[in-house]
Every structure is written in C-alpha cells, then in structure tokens.
Amino acid sequence: IDQCKSCVTCSCTMDLKSFLKMNYLTLLTMAGVIIGIIVGIIIRSEQDEIMSPREIMYISFIGNIFLRMLKSIIIPLIIPSLIVSIGSLDLKDSSRIGGVAIIYYSVTTFLAVILGIVLVVTIQPGYGADIDNLSSVTDTSRNVTTPDTLMDLIRNCFPPNILRATIQQDKTGIVYPGTDGVIKRKNKPDIDGSDKNTWAIKTESTWNSNILGLIVFSIVLGLAIAISKEEGAPLLNFFQSLATVMMRITIWIIHLAPVGVCFLIIGKVLEMENFGESFTKLGKYFGTVLLGLFLHGFIVLPSLYALSTRKSPIRFVLNMGNALMTAFGTASSAATLPITMNCLEEKNGIDSKISRFVLPIGATINMDGTALYEAIAAIFIAQFRGVPLTFGNVIAISITATAASIGAAGIPQAGIVTMVMVLDTVGLPSEDVGLILAVDWLLDRFRTTVNVLGDSIGAGVVSHYSNKEKKVEKDAISMCEKPTESSQDNHEVTTI
C-alpha cells in the first residue's frame, strides 16, 4: 500500500512539473495582469490627485518598450510567413484552406452581431443611464463618411508602392466648408454645407502600416511562387529562412510578456479618469458588452470548434492562454500575432503552413469581439437618446457593424471611426461616440482577447478539415494503386 501511495505521489508530482513546464509563461502573464491591476489601484488610492502624464509615462515605460518590440516584428514575420504558407501549398490546397477560413469568419462574425443585438434589446442598458455629465464625453467625431471609409478599405488593399505600405496608408477625409457652413462657388449658386456629401474631398497619408495591402501583396506573391515551382524555389527558401529567424526572435520577446503586460496594465489603470464614476454610470452597458463577449468567446466559439472537429475545446483554449493574456495586455490582435502563432504551432500542433496562412488574414478581417461591441454600442446610444429603431435600422446596424469590424484593423483610430460608421447608418450624431469612451479602454482589451480566440479556433477548424480531406484523398489514392487479389490471380494465370 505504501508503495502504491508513493507511486501516486510521484505521478502527481510529475504531472504538476509537466503542467508548470508547459504553461509557466501563461501563468506568469496572467499573474502580470492581476498584479498590474492591483498595483494600479493601490497607486491611485495613495494619490490625492490624478498623476501627471509624465509620471504615467515613466511608470508604463517598460510596458511601452515591450509593445514596441512586438509591433516591430509584425511585418517581418507576417510577410514571409504568409508567402511561405501559400508558396509551399499547391493551388488546390490554398483555395480549400482559404474557402473554409472565409466561411468560418463569416459565420462567427454573423453570430457575434446577432448575439450582441439580442442582448442589448433584451437587457436595454441605455434606458435610464445617467452619463451626460461624464467628463470624458467629448466631440470625437472625425470628418468622414461611411462610403469614404469603405472605399479606403478597398483602396488600401492595392498600395501603389509596397515599400511605402510598410509605414503609410491612405485615408480620405472631407473638409468643412467654413464658419458659416456655406460652400462658395464661382459663377454658380452657393450650396448649403449641412450635407457632408457636398464637402470637398481630401486624401492624405497617415503614419500607420498598411497591413491589409501587405497581406494582399503577400498572397499574390505566394501564389506566383507556387505556380512557378522550380523557378520560384530559391525565393521560397529565402522567405522560409527569414520566417524561421523571425520566429526565433519572437520566442525571445514572448518571454518578456509577463513584465511588459504588467506595466502596460498599471499605466492604463492610472490613466483612467473618474474611475469609479465611469463604471457606476456605465455599469449596465459595460456588463452587457462583457456578457456578450463571454458568451461568444467561451460558449459559441468553443461549441463551433467541438461540433466541427469532434474534439474537446477546453485543452485547445487553455493552450492559447499566453496569447489571450498578451492580447488583454496589449489590446492589439496584430501585436499578439507572433505569440498566437507560437501557441498554435507549439502547443496545439497546428501545421505552420495553415497557421501562418490563416492567422494574418484573420487578425485583419475577423473581428468577432469588435462586431459584437459595435452592435451593442450603437443600439445602447439609440436607447439612451430615446431614438426608436425599426427592424430595418437593426438590420442596417448588423450589416454595418460586420463591415466595420472587417476593416477595423486597416483604419487609424479604428474604435472611433468604425463606431461613427455604425451611428451614421441609423442617423445618430457621431459625437455620441464620446458617451462610451469612458470604459472603452477596458472593453477594448476584452474584445481583443475574443478576436484572438476567434482567429485561433478558426485555425484549428481549418486545420481539422484540411487534414480530413488530405486523409480521404490519400486513402482514395492507395485504394486505386493497390491491386485486388483477383487481378493478381488472373495475371498469374495469364503468365502461366
């Protein structure tokens, strides 16, 4: 009996050591998030006045360095990884993987929007909300129209200069006609400038990487390499080496996540004005969005994974822990991309050809958390303003929220601009975006976590179907090549 107890104890110790060895980074990053929140709250409680921007900058300096390191490897990791993934697959595999991914993205985004609308209509957080006096309510509108924003999205898919796309993207704005709101025209009657469609159009470049354009270019280059075969092999080998080296650098940076995330969280907690007042007045709205994100991220998405793969989603999600914690800390799907790739490939055993093909596209166009949030936020503002919404308005919100979430990664100040798009759809004033910005910094972290989880589960689903179809094809080929016993006997008789 003592020997059996000793064996059980030894087995438990080994299991614990194995668990800690596999998940130590996730646990440390989670601890960094918790410590960051606690330390931030303690520092706030000890200060009589709000800390100055310079003091906050000093405290969050280490976190900002970590974030800059993550962002610095996004382009040199995404481009070669995507090119290698597509270039090493044949066209049939590429189209199959891409088709399954697009279907998955469409279904999950649609479900997220529907869930958000159902929750906000049922709970009705906007009725009775007292948020007019929040100090953070300011005019955050930008001179932009919905068609311009959608056209910018398409325009940025085709950058005129691929080198410039690494540092700049195009943005269309409109110019206010003047203080009197009247557009003066030579030899023609003046025009009332109340309609934004009559304003002058101004196209400019912003200092943000055009990730969408780089992804489109990488896909085309990868397809060209795949078609070229032997002629494209040297170029494919070059990008393969570059992707391998960049992943090694990524692993080094990943180990800084616990400390970096901790200081980022401390800085954000200290930055928040009217901490208690904001959550008191916006508590019902905050709770509705959080409930929607939880249901979609930890009920809907895992259920889709289980139904699609017939596997337990629990282990899969737990293995993504480090990526999810980093997503919460950085509030950026793109910045978390290197860590997401590492978790999928090292812990969940996803083929790198699939993860590096699906993830960059997913991080750009698959924003389930953002779509859900924007649907809830738009209807919440309508409820608060007492604006009745028809069924057609709700449909318009759902379509625009979906479109806005697809283009969110390619638009500067995505949270503000895309919300303006949704509000504009149902005729709500764009300055009402300021009503919800008081808690947006925290909700942004939760919805980014759901976005990353959605991309990860998408890679798992695509990998399952890809492996399944390959197995069917392999079995079919082996059956065709394997001669039957009767044909062998007939051959022997004929030979005799």
Protein backbone atom coordinates (compact mmCIF):
# COMPACT_ATOMS: atom_id res chain seq x y z
CA ILE A 1 0.00 0.00 0.00
CA ASP A 2 2.83 2.42 0.91
CA GLN A 3 4.46 1.64 -2.42
CA CYS A 4 1.20 2.45 -4.26
CA LYS A 5 0.87 5.75 -2.37
CA SER A 6 4.45 6.59 -3.26
CA CYS A 7 3.76 5.87 -6.95
CA VAL A 8 0.64 8.07 -6.91
CA THR A 9 2.54 10.92 -5.22
CA CYS A 10 5.37 10.61 -7.72
CA SER A 11 2.91 10.58 -10.62
CA CYS A 12 1.12 13.71 -9.32
CA THR A 13 4.46 15.48 -8.86
CA MET A 14 5.49 14.61 -12.41
CA ASP A 15 2.13 15.81 -13.77
CA LEU A 16 2.46 19.09 -11.86
CA LYS A 17 6.01 19.61 -13.12
CA SER A 18 4.92 18.84 -16.67
CA PHE A 19 1.98 21.26 -16.38
CA LEU A 20 4.18 24.05 -14.99
CA LYS A 21 6.81 23.44 -17.67
CA MET A 22 4.24 23.72 -20.47
CA ASN A 23 2.23 26.61 -19.02
CA TYR A 24 4.67 28.63 -16.91
CA LEU A 25 4.63 31.54 -19.34
CA THR A 26 0.82 31.66 -19.40
CA LEU A 27 0.67 31.59 -15.59
CA LEU A 28 3.30 34.31 -15.31
CA THR A 29 1.50 36.52 -17.86
CA MET A 30 -1.79 36.00 -16.01
CA ALA A 31 -0.03 36.96 -12.78
CA GLY A 32 1.34 40.05 -14.55
CA VAL A 33 -2.20 41.14 -15.49
CA ILE A 34 -3.51 40.64 -11.94
CA ILE A 35 -0.51 42.35 -10.32
CA GLY A 36 -0.81 45.25 -12.78
CA ILE A 37 -4.46 45.84 -11.88
CA ILE A 38 -3.78 45.60 -8.11
CA VAL A 39 -0.70 47.85 -8.19
CA GLY A 40 -2.52 50.40 -10.37
CA ILE A 41 -5.47 50.56 -7.96
CA ILE A 42 -3.15 50.85 -4.94
CA ILE A 43 -1.17 53.72 -6.52
CA ARG A 44 -4.43 55.52 -7.41
CA SER A 45 -5.72 55.18 -3.85
CA GLU A 46 -2.48 56.58 -2.42
CA GLN A 47 -2.54 59.65 -4.69
CA ASP A 48 -4.67 62.66 -3.74
CA GLU A 49 -4.62 63.97 -7.31
CA ILE A 50 -4.53 62.34 -10.73
CA MET A 51 -0.96 61.57 -11.78
CA SER A 52 0.56 63.74 -14.48
CA PRO A 53 1.06 62.32 -17.99
CA ARG A 54 4.83 62.39 -17.42
CA GLU A 55 4.57 60.29 -14.25
CA ILE A 56 2.34 57.78 -16.02
CA MET A 57 4.81 57.69 -18.93
CA TYR A 58 7.64 56.82 -16.54
CA ILE A 59 5.65 54.01 -14.93
CA SER A 60 4.46 52.47 -18.21
CA PHE A 61 7.83 52.91 -19.95
CA ILE A 62 8.82 49.24 -19.71
CA GLY A 63 5.41 48.16 -20.99
CA ASN A 64 5.66 50.52 -23.96
CA ILE A 65 9.10 49.12 -24.83
CA PHE A 66 7.61 45.60 -24.84
CA LEU A 67 4.74 46.76 -27.07
CA ARG A 68 7.17 48.43 -29.48
CA MET A 69 9.21 45.23 -29.68
CA LEU A 70 6.10 43.22 -30.53
CA LYS A 71 4.99 45.70 -33.18
CA SER A 72 8.47 45.82 -34.71
CA ILE A 73 8.32 42.15 -35.74
CA ILE A 74 4.76 42.16 -37.13
CA ILE A 75 5.67 42.96 -40.74
CA PRO A 76 8.91 40.92 -40.99
CA LEU A 77 7.03 37.95 -39.50
CA ILE A 78 3.69 38.25 -41.33
CA ILE A 79 5.03 38.75 -44.87
CA PRO A 80 7.50 35.82 -45.09
CA SER A 81 5.19 33.51 -43.10
CA LEU A 82 2.24 34.19 -45.40
CA ILE A 83 4.36 33.89 -48.56
CA VAL A 84 5.87 30.57 -47.40
CA SER A 85 2.49 29.18 -46.34
CA ILE A 86 0.91 29.88 -49.74
CA GLY A 87 4.03 29.25 -51.83
CA SER A 88 4.59 25.78 -50.37
CA LEU A 89 0.98 24.70 -50.96
CA ASP A 90 -0.49 23.77 -54.30
CA LEU A 91 -3.31 25.92 -55.61
CA LYS A 92 -5.92 23.33 -54.67
CA ASP A 93 -4.84 23.33 -51.01
CA SER A 94 -4.67 27.15 -50.91
CA SER A 95 -8.18 27.57 -52.30
CA ARG A 96 -9.52 24.88 -49.97
CA ILE A 97 -7.97 26.39 -46.84
CA GLY A 98 -9.00 29.90 -47.87
CA GLY A 99 -12.56 28.79 -48.58
CA VAL A 100 -13.02 27.11 -45.19
CA ALA A 101 -11.47 30.14 -43.43
CA ILE A 102 -13.79 32.64 -45.16
CA ILE A 103 -16.87 30.53 -44.33
CA TYR A 104 -15.77 30.32 -40.68
CA TYR A 105 -15.09 34.08 -40.47
CA SER A 106 -18.49 34.91 -41.99
CA VAL A 107 -20.43 32.57 -39.70
CA THR A 108 -18.73 33.64 -36.46
CA THR A 109 -18.99 37.37 -37.21
CA PHE A 110 -22.69 36.99 -38.07
CA LEU A 111 -23.30 35.06 -34.83
CA ALA A 112 -21.43 37.72 -32.81
CA VAL A 113 -23.55 40.56 -34.23
CA ILE A 114 -26.81 38.67 -33.69
CA LEU A 115 -25.83 37.81 -30.10
CA GLY A 116 -24.96 41.46 -29.38
CA ILE A 117 -28.28 42.71 -30.77
CA VAL A 118 -30.30 40.13 -28.81
CA LEU A 119 -28.55 41.04 -25.54
CA VAL A 120 -28.84 44.83 -25.89
CA VAL A 121 -32.50 44.64 -26.95
CA THR A 122 -33.29 42.27 -24.06
CA ILE A 123 -31.32 43.99 -21.27
CA GLN A 124 -31.88 47.56 -22.55
CA PRO A 125 -28.89 49.17 -20.80
CA GLY A 126 -29.49 52.58 -22.43
CA TYR A 127 -32.80 53.33 -20.74
CA GLY A 128 -32.24 55.24 -17.51
CA ALA A 129 -28.47 55.60 -17.99
CA ASP A 130 -27.07 58.80 -16.44
CA ILE A 131 -23.97 59.62 -18.46
CA ASP A 132 -24.44 63.20 -19.64
CA ASN A 133 -22.07 64.63 -17.06
CA LEU A 134 -19.11 62.31 -17.56
CA SER A 135 -16.02 64.42 -18.13
CA SER A 136 -14.82 62.11 -20.89
CA VAL A 137 -17.79 62.91 -23.11
CA THR A 138 -16.25 64.99 -25.87
CA ASP A 139 -16.71 65.51 -29.55
CA THR A 140 -14.60 62.72 -31.01
CA SER A 141 -16.09 62.78 -34.47
CA ARG A 142 -13.86 62.95 -37.49
CA ASN A 143 -14.86 64.43 -40.82
CA VAL A 144 -15.52 61.15 -42.61
CA THR A 145 -18.39 59.40 -44.35
CA THR A 146 -19.22 55.70 -44.42
CA PRO A 147 -18.67 55.30 -48.21
CA ASP A 148 -15.26 57.02 -47.91
CA THR A 149 -14.20 54.67 -45.13
CA LEU A 150 -15.29 51.55 -47.02
CA MET A 151 -13.57 52.80 -50.19
CA ASP A 152 -10.39 53.45 -48.18
CA LEU A 153 -10.54 49.83 -47.06
CA ILE A 154 -10.63 48.60 -50.68
CA ARG A 155 -8.14 51.23 -51.86
CA ASN A 156 -5.59 50.17 -49.24
CA CYS A 157 -5.77 46.57 -50.50
CA PHE A 158 -3.86 47.78 -53.56
CA PRO A 159 -0.97 50.00 -52.40
CA PRO A 160 0.77 51.91 -55.23
CA ASN A 161 4.14 51.42 -53.52
CA ILE A 162 4.75 48.27 -51.50
CA LEU A 163 7.65 49.84 -49.57
CA ARG A 164 5.54 52.85 -48.57
CA ALA A 165 2.82 50.43 -47.45
CA THR A 166 5.07 49.29 -44.60
CA ILE A 167 4.87 52.73 -42.99
CA GLN A 168 1.88 54.56 -44.51
CA GLN A 169 -1.70 54.05 -45.62
CA ASP A 170 -4.19 56.29 -47.40
CA LYS A 171 -7.12 57.98 -45.68
CA THR A 172 -9.91 60.04 -47.20
CA GLY A 173 -11.37 62.96 -45.28
CA ILE A 174 -13.73 65.80 -46.07
CA VAL A 175 -13.12 69.49 -45.47
CA TYR A 176 -15.67 71.63 -43.62
CA PRO A 177 -16.76 74.47 -45.94
CA GLY A 178 -16.23 77.31 -43.47
CA THR A 179 -17.51 79.04 -40.38
CA ASP A 180 -20.80 80.00 -42.00
CA GLY A 181 -21.41 76.49 -43.32
CA VAL A 182 -21.89 77.70 -46.90
CA ILE A 183 -19.91 76.41 -49.88
CA LYS A 184 -18.88 79.28 -52.17
CA ARG A 185 -18.73 78.50 -55.89
CA LYS A 186 -17.57 80.68 -58.80
CA ASN A 187 -20.27 81.64 -61.30
CA LYS A 188 -22.67 79.23 -59.59
CA PRO A 189 -25.12 79.49 -56.69
CA ASP A 190 -23.76 78.83 -53.20
CA ILE A 191 -24.54 75.44 -51.63
CA ASP A 192 -25.70 74.76 -48.09
CA GLY A 193 -22.86 72.78 -46.47
CA SER A 194 -25.01 70.92 -43.95
CA ASP A 195 -24.78 67.80 -46.14
CA LYS A 196 -21.34 66.20 -45.79
CA ASN A 197 -21.59 64.78 -49.30
CA THR A 198 -21.16 68.32 -50.67
CA TRP A 199 -17.89 68.94 -48.80
CA ALA A 200 -14.51 68.95 -50.55
CA ILE A 201 -12.65 65.62 -50.52
CA LYS A 202 -9.13 65.45 -49.11
CA THR A 203 -6.91 62.36 -49.46
CA GLU A 204 -3.85 62.08 -47.25
CA SER A 205 -1.39 59.51 -45.96
CA THR A 206 -1.18 58.53 -42.30
CA TRP A 207 1.80 57.04 -40.50
CA ASN A 208 0.29 53.61 -39.98
CA SER A 209 1.40 50.39 -41.67
CA ASN A 210 -0.96 49.28 -44.42
CA ILE A 211 -1.26 45.71 -43.12
CA LEU A 212 -4.17 44.89 -45.42
CA GLY A 213 -2.22 45.91 -48.53
CA LEU A 214 0.83 43.94 -47.41
CA ILE A 215 -1.29 40.84 -46.86
CA VAL A 216 -2.85 41.10 -50.34
CA PHE A 217 0.61 41.55 -51.90
CA SER A 218 2.00 38.58 -49.92
CA ILE A 219 -0.88 36.35 -51.03
CA VAL A 220 -0.30 37.25 -54.70
CA LEU A 221 3.47 36.72 -54.39
CA GLY A 222 2.93 33.37 -52.65
CA LEU A 223 0.57 32.23 -55.42
CA ALA A 224 3.13 33.29 -58.06
CA ILE A 225 5.84 31.27 -56.30
CA ALA A 226 3.56 28.23 -56.08
CA ILE A 227 2.79 28.43 -59.81
CA SER A 228 6.47 28.97 -60.71
CA LYS A 229 7.51 25.80 -58.83
CA GLU A 230 11.23 25.18 -59.56
CA GLU A 231 11.91 28.74 -60.71
CA GLY A 232 10.38 30.09 -57.51
CA ALA A 233 12.17 27.64 -55.18
CA PRO A 234 15.17 29.93 -54.36
CA LEU A 235 12.82 32.78 -53.44
CA LEU A 236 10.70 30.40 -51.33
CA ASN A 237 13.83 29.18 -49.49
CA PHE A 238 14.81 32.78 -48.75
CA PHE A 239 11.44 33.60 -47.20
CA GLN A 240 11.47 30.27 -45.31
CA SER A 241 14.80 31.18 -43.70
CA LEU A 242 13.56 34.67 -42.87
CA ALA A 243 10.36 33.29 -41.29
CA THR A 244 12.38 30.82 -39.18
CA VAL A 245 14.73 33.53 -37.91
CA MET A 246 11.85 35.90 -37.12
CA MET A 247 10.03 33.19 -35.18
CA ARG A 248 13.15 32.66 -33.08
CA ILE A 249 13.23 36.38 -32.27
CA THR A 250 9.52 36.17 -31.45
CA ILE A 251 10.17 33.45 -28.87
CA TRP A 252 12.76 35.69 -27.19
CA ILE A 253 10.28 38.57 -27.00
CA ILE A 254 7.48 36.30 -25.73
CA HIS A 255 9.42 35.66 -22.53
CA LEU A 256 9.22 39.37 -21.69
CA ALA A 257 5.40 39.30 -21.79
CA PRO A 258 4.71 38.95 -18.02
CA VAL A 259 6.72 42.07 -17.12
CA GLY A 260 5.67 44.08 -20.18
CA VAL A 261 1.96 43.34 -19.76
CA CYS A 262 2.12 44.17 -16.05
CA PHE A 263 3.47 47.69 -16.67
CA LEU A 264 1.05 48.30 -19.55
CA ILE A 265 -1.89 47.50 -17.26
CA ILE A 266 -0.55 49.71 -14.45
CA GLY A 267 -0.24 52.63 -16.86
CA LYS A 268 -3.78 52.20 -18.21
CA VAL A 269 -5.33 51.99 -14.73
CA LEU A 270 -3.53 55.19 -13.69
CA GLU A 271 -4.53 56.93 -16.94
CA MET A 272 -8.24 56.40 -16.34
CA GLU A 273 -10.12 59.50 -15.10
CA ASN A 274 -13.22 59.23 -12.88
CA PHE A 275 -12.59 55.51 -12.46
CA GLY A 276 -15.44 54.78 -10.06
CA GLU A 277 -17.92 57.26 -11.58
CA SER A 278 -17.48 55.88 -15.09
CA PHE A 279 -18.17 52.30 -14.07
CA THR A 280 -21.11 53.33 -11.89
CA LYS A 281 -22.89 55.24 -14.66
CA LEU A 282 -21.93 52.89 -17.48
CA GLY A 283 -22.13 49.69 -15.44
CA LYS A 284 -25.16 48.23 -17.22
CA TYR A 285 -23.68 48.91 -20.65
CA PHE A 286 -20.30 47.57 -19.57
CA GLY A 287 -21.92 44.41 -18.17
CA THR A 288 -23.94 43.84 -21.36
CA VAL A 289 -20.86 44.02 -23.60
CA LEU A 290 -18.87 41.85 -21.20
CA LEU A 291 -21.65 39.24 -21.07
CA GLY A 292 -21.83 39.17 -24.87
CA LEU A 293 -18.06 38.78 -25.22
CA PHE A 294 -18.01 35.99 -22.63
CA LEU A 295 -20.88 34.09 -24.25
CA HIS A 296 -19.39 34.39 -27.72
CA GLY A 297 -15.79 33.74 -26.70
CA PHE A 298 -16.29 30.88 -24.26
CA ILE A 299 -19.60 29.33 -25.31
CA VAL A 300 -20.27 29.96 -29.03
CA LEU A 301 -16.73 29.65 -30.40
CA PRO A 302 -15.75 26.54 -28.36
CA SER A 303 -19.09 24.94 -29.32
CA LEU A 304 -18.33 25.57 -33.01
CA TYR A 305 -14.90 24.01 -32.51
CA ALA A 306 -16.38 20.95 -30.80
CA LEU A 307 -19.07 20.50 -33.47
CA SER A 308 -16.58 20.93 -36.31
CA THR A 309 -13.72 18.79 -35.02
CA ARG A 310 -15.44 16.42 -32.55
CA LYS A 311 -12.68 17.34 -30.07
CA SER A 312 -12.78 18.95 -26.64
CA PRO A 313 -12.20 22.71 -26.93
CA ILE A 314 -11.08 23.06 -23.30
CA ARG A 315 -7.49 21.94 -23.82
CA PHE A 316 -7.27 23.92 -27.06
CA VAL A 317 -8.36 27.15 -25.32
CA LEU A 318 -6.09 26.53 -22.31
CA ASN A 319 -3.13 26.07 -24.65
CA MET A 320 -3.86 29.53 -26.06
CA GLY A 321 -3.63 31.08 -22.58
CA ASN A 322 -0.41 33.01 -23.16
CA ALA A 323 -1.73 34.55 -26.39
CA LEU A 324 -5.03 35.52 -24.71
CA MET A 325 -3.27 37.14 -21.75
CA THR A 326 -0.97 39.06 -24.10
CA ALA A 327 -3.98 40.17 -26.16
CA PHE A 328 -5.59 41.53 -23.00
CA GLY A 329 -2.41 43.36 -22.02
CA THR A 330 -1.59 44.88 -25.42
CA ALA A 331 -5.18 45.39 -26.73
CA SER A 332 -3.86 44.58 -30.21
CA SER A 333 -4.58 41.50 -32.33
CA ALA A 334 -1.71 42.38 -34.65
CA ALA A 335 0.81 42.82 -31.84
CA THR A 336 -0.27 39.47 -30.36
CA LEU A 337 0.05 37.68 -33.72
CA PRO A 338 3.59 36.29 -33.16
CA ILE A 339 2.59 34.81 -29.80
CA THR A 340 -0.66 33.41 -31.25
CA MET A 341 1.32 31.62 -33.97
CA ASN A 342 3.70 30.17 -31.39
CA CYS A 343 0.88 28.84 -29.17
CA LEU A 344 -0.96 27.25 -32.10
CA GLU A 345 2.11 25.55 -33.54
CA GLU A 346 3.94 24.53 -30.37
CA LYS A 347 1.05 23.69 -28.02
CA ASN A 348 -1.89 22.80 -30.27
CA GLY A 349 0.10 21.14 -33.02
CA ILE A 350 -1.34 23.19 -35.89
CA ASP A 351 0.67 22.94 -39.12
CA SER A 352 2.67 26.14 -39.61
CA LYS A 353 1.54 26.29 -43.25
CA ILE A 354 -2.04 26.67 -42.04
CA SER A 355 -1.47 28.91 -39.01
CA ARG A 356 0.73 31.34 -40.96
CA PHE A 357 -1.79 31.47 -43.79
CA VAL A 358 -4.97 31.81 -41.72
CA LEU A 359 -3.83 33.98 -38.78
CA PRO A 360 -2.58 37.11 -40.61
CA ILE A 361 -5.81 37.24 -42.62
CA GLY A 362 -7.92 36.55 -39.52
CA ALA A 363 -6.15 39.23 -37.48
CA THR A 364 -7.11 41.72 -40.20
CA ILE A 365 -10.69 40.81 -41.15
CA ASN A 366 -12.04 38.50 -38.42
CA MET A 367 -13.05 40.76 -35.51
CA ASP A 368 -15.91 38.99 -33.73
CA GLY A 369 -15.48 40.93 -30.49
CA THR A 370 -15.42 44.25 -32.34
CA ALA A 371 -18.56 43.42 -34.36
CA LEU A 372 -20.46 42.42 -31.21
CA TYR A 373 -19.33 45.53 -29.33
CA GLU A 374 -20.30 47.94 -32.11
CA ALA A 375 -23.78 46.45 -32.48
CA ILE A 376 -24.38 46.78 -28.72
CA ALA A 377 -22.87 50.29 -28.53
CA ALA A 378 -24.96 51.70 -31.40
CA ILE A 379 -28.26 50.41 -30.00
CA PHE A 380 -27.24 51.48 -26.47
CA ILE A 381 -26.73 55.07 -27.69
CA ALA A 382 -30.08 54.98 -29.51
CA GLN A 383 -31.79 53.79 -26.31
CA PHE A 384 -30.07 56.50 -24.25
CA ARG A 385 -31.14 59.23 -26.71
CA GLY A 386 -34.68 57.84 -26.88
CA VAL A 387 -34.43 57.19 -30.63
CA PRO A 388 -36.77 54.36 -31.69
CA LEU A 389 -35.16 51.80 -34.01
CA THR A 390 -37.15 49.91 -36.62
CA PHE A 391 -36.38 46.36 -37.71
CA GLY A 392 -34.74 47.86 -40.81
CA ASN A 393 -32.48 50.00 -38.59
CA VAL A 394 -31.39 46.92 -36.65
CA ILE A 395 -30.60 45.09 -39.90
CA ALA A 396 -28.61 48.13 -41.10
CA ILE A 397 -26.67 48.18 -37.82
CA SER A 398 -25.86 44.47 -38.12
CA ILE A 399 -24.59 44.84 -41.69
CA THR A 400 -22.56 47.97 -40.96
CA ALA A 401 -21.10 46.52 -37.74
CA THR A 402 -19.96 43.48 -39.72
CA ALA A 403 -18.40 45.62 -42.46
CA ALA A 404 -16.79 47.95 -39.91
CA SER A 405 -15.24 45.03 -37.99
CA ILE A 406 -13.74 43.67 -41.22
CA GLY A 407 -12.00 46.95 -41.90
CA ALA A 408 -11.15 47.84 -38.30
CA ALA A 409 -7.51 46.80 -38.49
CA GLY A 410 -6.89 48.94 -41.56
CA ILE A 411 -8.26 52.20 -40.19
CA PRO A 412 -6.41 54.65 -37.88
CA GLN A 413 -8.25 55.18 -34.58
CA ALA A 414 -10.38 52.18 -35.52
CA GLY A 415 -12.65 52.22 -32.47
CA ILE A 416 -13.81 55.79 -33.05
CA VAL A 417 -14.03 55.77 -36.84
CA THR A 418 -15.86 52.46 -37.18
CA MET A 419 -18.36 53.46 -34.49
CA VAL A 420 -19.03 56.68 -36.41
CA MET A 421 -19.82 54.50 -39.43
CA VAL A 422 -22.39 52.48 -37.48
CA LEU A 423 -24.01 55.55 -35.88
CA ASP A 424 -24.18 57.30 -39.24
CA THR A 425 -26.12 54.33 -40.65
CA VAL A 426 -29.11 54.98 -38.36
CA GLY A 427 -28.80 58.77 -38.24
CA LEU A 428 -27.35 59.13 -34.73
CA PRO A 429 -24.95 62.04 -34.06
CA SER A 430 -21.32 61.00 -34.39
CA GLU A 431 -20.27 62.94 -31.28
CA ASP A 432 -22.24 60.43 -29.20
CA VAL A 433 -19.25 58.11 -29.52
CA GLY A 434 -17.83 60.09 -26.59
CA LEU A 435 -20.56 58.72 -24.32
CA ILE A 436 -18.97 55.27 -24.22
CA LEU A 437 -15.27 56.13 -24.38
CA ALA A 438 -15.01 56.28 -20.58
CA VAL A 439 -14.88 52.47 -20.35
CA ASP A 440 -13.76 51.72 -23.90
CA TRP A 441 -10.10 51.27 -22.92
CA LEU A 442 -11.01 48.22 -20.81
CA LEU A 443 -13.66 46.80 -23.16
CA ASP A 444 -11.09 47.08 -25.95
CA ARG A 445 -8.90 44.58 -24.11
CA PHE A 446 -11.72 42.10 -23.64
CA ARG A 447 -12.87 42.28 -27.26
CA THR A 448 -9.26 41.94 -28.49
CA THR A 449 -8.99 38.75 -26.42
CA VAL A 450 -12.15 37.40 -28.08
CA ASN A 451 -10.81 38.43 -31.51
CA VAL A 452 -7.59 36.47 -30.93
CA LEU A 453 -9.50 33.46 -29.60
CA GLY A 454 -11.76 33.53 -32.68
CA ASP A 455 -8.74 33.57 -35.01
CA SER A 456 -7.12 30.70 -33.10
CA ILE A 457 -10.20 28.49 -33.13
CA GLY A 458 -10.59 29.30 -36.82
CA ALA A 459 -7.07 27.97 -37.46
CA GLY A 460 -7.97 24.82 -35.52
CA VAL A 461 -11.16 24.27 -37.56
CA VAL A 462 -9.37 24.88 -40.87
CA SER A 463 -6.56 22.51 -39.84
CA HIS A 464 -9.08 19.77 -38.99
CA TYR A 465 -10.89 19.98 -42.33
CA SER A 466 -7.62 20.21 -44.25
CA ASN A 467 -6.23 17.09 -42.56
CA LYS A 468 -9.53 15.28 -43.06
CA GLU A 469 -9.64 15.98 -46.79
CA LYS A 470 -5.97 15.02 -47.20
CA LYS A 471 -6.66 11.70 -45.46
CA VAL A 472 -9.62 10.99 -47.76
CA GLU A 473 -7.50 11.77 -50.82
CA LYS A 474 -4.64 9.61 -49.54
CA ASP A 475 -6.97 6.67 -48.89
CA ALA A 476 -8.51 7.04 -52.35
CA ILE A 477 -5.08 7.04 -54.00
CA SER A 478 -3.92 3.99 -52.01
CA MET A 479 -7.10 2.13 -52.96
CA CYS A 480 -6.53 2.88 -56.64
CA GLU A 481 -2.88 1.82 -56.54
CA LYS A 482 -3.45 -1.38 -54.53
CA PRO A 483 -4.22 -4.29 -56.93
CA THR A 484 -7.00 -6.65 -55.95
CA GLU A 485 -6.30 -10.28 -55.20
CA SER A 486 -8.41 -11.41 -58.16
CA SER A 487 -6.47 -9.26 -60.61
CA GLN A 488 -3.21 -10.71 -59.25
CA ASP A 489 -4.52 -14.27 -59.69
CA ASN A 490 -5.64 -13.53 -63.24
CA HIS A 491 -2.23 -12.07 -64.02
CA GLU A 492 -0.52 -15.20 -62.69
CA VAL A 493 -2.79 -17.50 -64.75
CA THR A 494 -2.14 -15.46 -67.88
CA THR A 495 1.61 -15.66 -67.28
CA ILE A 496 1.47 -19.44 -66.87
